[in-house]
Amino acid sequence: MNLLKNLFNRKKHANPAIHALYRKQKTPCSQSEKIISLLPKLAETYKEGGVYLLHKTLLDQFEEYDAQYGVTLSKEITEEKSAQMLDKITSLMLMTCFKELSRVLPEGPSPSALTDALHYEIYGALPNQDSFVSYLTYENPNFEDHKMAPAFKFGKDISEIVAMPDLAFSFLVSQQFAVISDVSGRLTRWVLFDEPMESS
């Protein structure tokens, strides 16, 4: 009876994704519980890391692109465009988080629910189809290696944001996918699993 009483008396979690996870699993595994407690810290880490990656993987690259091709793209980047690009980088970071969680947690709803919960911690809203989900589900028949599809989509998305249809530019941006994934993975493992941050 005490168990039933505790289940019914459990307060609704402020994060709807966590509340939904508790409803499905009742008692998540200890690893999931630890991760849940660290989600606010990971969200702040992602926010800081996302801004860093925005400058290192995109804005700095735009200046090099300007110098190489004699254009003024970097001067045309508004705050609105920067915010949109930051959202795309954050989506890639969340996709990396999902993959890290899928690697360490048993099969079930936890990796998806925890990534949704992290999205909520960052944005105050659950993810939609335009969030990291779009990178997880994106497919392109032109690639034999499906791992290349998110990189291609990222290059395409950024090109649309800055209105630069040049294929060379899109390819340049898509190459930053590896850097974003690597840094995101390091940050995720550092916060959630106490893995030391080592320089590349």
Protein backbone atom coordinates (compact mmCIF):
# COMPACT_ATOMS: atom_id res chain seq x y z
CA MET A 1 0.00 0.00 0.00
CA ASN A 2 2.86 2.37 0.78
CA LEU A 3 4.24 1.84 -2.73
CA LEU A 4 0.90 2.73 -4.31
CA LYS A 5 0.54 5.69 -2.01
CA ASN A 6 3.99 6.98 -2.97
CA LEU A 7 3.19 6.62 -6.66
CA PHE A 8 -0.03 8.59 -6.39
CA ASN A 9 1.54 11.20 -4.13
CA ARG A 10 4.52 11.78 -6.39
CA LYS A 11 4.46 15.45 -7.36
CA LYS A 12 4.28 16.33 -11.02
CA HIS A 13 7.78 17.12 -12.23
CA ALA A 14 8.24 20.66 -13.51
CA ASN A 15 9.81 19.24 -16.65
CA PRO A 16 6.99 17.55 -18.64
CA ALA A 17 9.38 15.12 -20.35
CA ILE A 18 10.59 13.86 -16.97
CA HIS A 19 7.02 13.64 -15.70
CA ALA A 20 6.12 11.53 -18.74
CA LEU A 21 9.15 9.30 -18.13
CA TYR A 22 8.09 8.71 -14.52
CA ARG A 23 4.61 7.78 -15.68
CA LYS A 24 6.02 5.20 -18.10
CA GLN A 25 8.78 3.71 -15.96
CA LYS A 26 7.53 4.54 -12.44
CA THR A 27 11.07 4.07 -11.12
CA PRO A 28 13.78 4.86 -13.71
CA CYS A 29 17.15 3.14 -13.33
CA SER A 30 19.76 4.75 -11.07
CA GLN A 31 21.73 5.94 -14.10
CA SER A 32 18.67 7.74 -15.45
CA GLU A 33 18.01 9.30 -12.04
CA LYS A 34 21.57 10.62 -11.90
CA ILE A 35 21.26 12.08 -15.39
CA ILE A 36 17.93 13.72 -14.50
CA SER A 37 19.59 15.49 -11.58
CA LEU A 38 22.35 16.78 -13.88
CA LEU A 39 20.15 18.04 -16.72
CA PRO A 40 20.06 21.68 -15.50
CA LYS A 41 23.87 21.72 -15.37
CA LEU A 42 24.10 20.13 -18.81
CA ALA A 43 21.64 22.67 -20.21
CA GLU A 44 23.78 25.58 -18.99
CA THR A 45 26.88 23.86 -20.36
CA TYR A 46 25.20 23.46 -23.75
CA LYS A 47 24.17 27.11 -23.79
CA GLU A 48 27.75 28.24 -23.18
CA GLY A 49 29.18 25.61 -25.50
CA GLY A 50 26.74 26.52 -28.24
CA VAL A 51 27.83 30.16 -28.24
CA TYR A 52 31.48 29.07 -28.35
CA LEU A 53 30.79 26.74 -31.27
CA LEU A 54 28.82 29.43 -33.09
CA HIS A 55 31.90 31.63 -33.15
CA LYS A 56 34.48 28.93 -33.80
CA THR A 57 32.66 26.84 -36.39
CA LEU A 58 30.60 29.47 -38.21
CA LEU A 59 31.30 33.15 -37.57
CA ASP A 60 35.09 32.77 -37.75
CA GLN A 61 34.68 30.62 -40.87
CA PHE A 62 32.54 33.30 -42.49
CA GLU A 63 35.39 35.80 -42.14
CA GLU A 64 37.74 33.35 -43.84
CA TYR A 65 35.15 32.79 -46.56
CA ASP A 66 34.93 36.56 -47.09
CA ALA A 67 38.70 36.85 -47.46
CA GLN A 68 38.90 33.93 -49.87
CA TYR A 69 36.00 34.85 -52.14
CA GLY A 70 35.92 38.63 -51.79
CA VAL A 71 32.43 38.83 -50.28
CA THR A 72 31.03 40.50 -47.14
CA LEU A 73 29.00 37.68 -45.63
CA SER A 74 30.31 38.17 -42.09
CA LYS A 75 29.11 41.79 -42.08
CA GLU A 76 25.60 40.72 -43.04
CA ILE A 77 25.08 38.44 -40.03
CA THR A 78 22.37 39.97 -37.85
CA GLU A 79 21.47 39.03 -34.29
CA GLU A 80 18.42 37.22 -35.65
CA LYS A 81 20.54 35.13 -38.02
CA SER A 82 23.02 34.37 -35.24
CA ALA A 83 20.18 33.19 -33.01
CA GLN A 84 18.83 30.95 -35.77
CA MET A 85 22.27 29.46 -36.39
CA LEU A 86 22.75 28.91 -32.66
CA ASP A 87 19.50 26.94 -32.63
CA LYS A 88 20.84 24.69 -35.40
CA ILE A 89 24.08 24.11 -33.50
CA THR A 90 22.11 23.34 -30.34
CA SER A 91 20.04 20.84 -32.32
CA LEU A 92 23.23 19.03 -33.34
CA MET A 93 24.39 19.07 -29.72
CA LEU A 94 21.09 17.55 -28.59
CA MET A 95 21.37 14.89 -31.29
CA THR A 96 24.82 14.02 -29.97
CA CYS A 97 23.40 13.83 -26.45
CA PHE A 98 20.73 11.40 -27.62
CA LYS A 99 23.40 9.17 -29.16
CA GLU A 100 25.52 9.28 -25.99
CA LEU A 101 22.51 8.37 -23.84
CA SER A 102 21.52 5.56 -26.22
CA ARG A 103 25.02 4.16 -25.82
CA VAL A 104 24.98 3.94 -22.03
CA LEU A 105 21.33 3.38 -21.12
CA PRO A 106 19.33 0.18 -21.63
CA GLU A 107 16.85 0.07 -24.47
CA GLY A 108 13.65 1.89 -23.69
CA PRO A 109 12.20 5.39 -23.54
CA SER A 110 14.95 6.92 -21.37
CA PRO A 111 17.34 8.29 -24.06
CA SER A 112 14.52 9.95 -25.99
CA ALA A 113 12.74 11.25 -22.88
CA LEU A 114 15.95 12.58 -21.34
CA THR A 115 16.93 14.38 -24.54
CA ASP A 116 13.44 15.88 -24.71
CA ALA A 117 13.88 16.94 -21.09
CA LEU A 118 17.23 18.56 -21.87
CA HIS A 119 15.59 20.46 -24.73
CA TYR A 120 12.97 21.68 -22.26
CA GLU A 121 15.69 22.81 -19.83
CA ILE A 122 17.29 24.86 -22.61
CA TYR A 123 14.23 26.30 -24.34
CA GLY A 124 11.39 25.95 -21.84
CA ALA A 125 9.46 23.92 -24.43
CA LEU A 126 9.38 20.36 -25.67
CA PRO A 127 11.00 19.66 -29.06
CA ASN A 128 9.07 19.78 -32.31
CA GLN A 129 9.89 18.43 -35.76
CA ASP A 130 12.13 21.43 -36.49
CA SER A 131 14.39 20.71 -33.51
CA PHE A 132 17.10 18.06 -33.11
CA VAL A 133 14.49 15.52 -34.18
CA SER A 134 14.85 16.78 -37.75
CA TYR A 135 18.54 15.83 -37.73
CA LEU A 136 17.90 12.41 -36.22
CA THR A 137 15.29 11.55 -38.82
CA TYR A 138 16.79 13.25 -41.89
CA GLU A 139 17.62 10.91 -44.75
CA ASN A 140 19.32 11.60 -48.05
CA PRO A 141 19.47 8.86 -50.70
CA ASN A 142 22.60 10.44 -52.20
CA PHE A 143 24.72 9.26 -49.27
CA GLU A 144 25.73 5.62 -48.90
CA ASP A 145 26.93 6.49 -45.40
CA HIS A 146 23.83 7.67 -43.53
CA LYS A 147 26.07 9.40 -40.99
CA MET A 148 26.73 12.10 -43.59
CA ALA A 149 23.07 13.10 -43.85
CA PRO A 150 22.93 15.36 -40.74
CA ALA A 151 26.11 17.15 -41.84
CA PHE A 152 24.61 17.82 -45.26
CA LYS A 153 21.37 19.09 -43.70
CA PHE A 154 23.32 21.36 -41.35
CA GLY A 155 25.18 22.92 -44.27
CA LYS A 156 21.92 23.36 -46.15
CA ASP A 157 20.15 24.90 -43.13
CA ILE A 158 22.91 27.44 -42.46
CA SER A 159 23.09 28.35 -46.15
CA GLU A 160 19.37 29.12 -46.12
CA ILE A 161 19.66 31.23 -42.95
CA VAL A 162 22.43 33.43 -44.38
CA ALA A 163 21.01 33.34 -47.94
CA MET A 164 24.19 31.91 -49.44
CA PRO A 165 23.22 29.24 -52.01
CA ASP A 166 26.84 28.58 -53.07
CA LEU A 167 27.56 24.83 -52.86
CA ALA A 168 31.14 25.52 -51.77
CA PHE A 169 29.80 27.45 -48.80
CA SER A 170 27.35 24.71 -47.85
CA PHE A 171 30.17 22.16 -48.03
CA LEU A 172 32.40 24.35 -45.85
CA VAL A 173 29.68 24.54 -43.21
CA SER A 174 28.91 20.82 -43.37
CA GLN A 175 32.55 20.08 -42.49
CA GLN A 176 31.99 21.74 -39.11
CA PHE A 177 29.58 18.94 -38.18
CA ALA A 178 32.46 16.76 -36.99
CA VAL A 179 33.79 19.49 -34.70
CA ILE A 180 30.36 20.22 -33.23
CA SER A 181 29.70 16.52 -32.62
CA ASP A 182 33.10 16.00 -31.00
CA VAL A 183 32.82 18.98 -28.65
CA SER A 184 29.21 18.12 -27.80
CA GLY A 185 30.16 14.56 -26.95
CA ARG A 186 33.00 15.72 -24.72
CA LEU A 187 30.76 18.18 -22.88
CA THR A 188 28.04 15.56 -22.42
CA ARG A 189 30.40 12.93 -21.03
CA TRP A 190 32.11 15.49 -18.81
CA VAL A 191 28.89 16.63 -17.15
CA LEU A 192 27.00 13.33 -17.01
CA PHE A 193 29.75 10.75 -16.60
CA ASP A 194 32.65 12.73 -15.07
CA GLU A 195 34.87 12.02 -18.07
CA PRO A 196 37.84 14.44 -18.07
CA MET A 197 37.83 17.08 -20.79
CA GLU A 198 40.92 16.54 -22.91
CA SER A 199 42.12 18.74 -25.72
CA SER A 200 41.94 17.34 -29.24
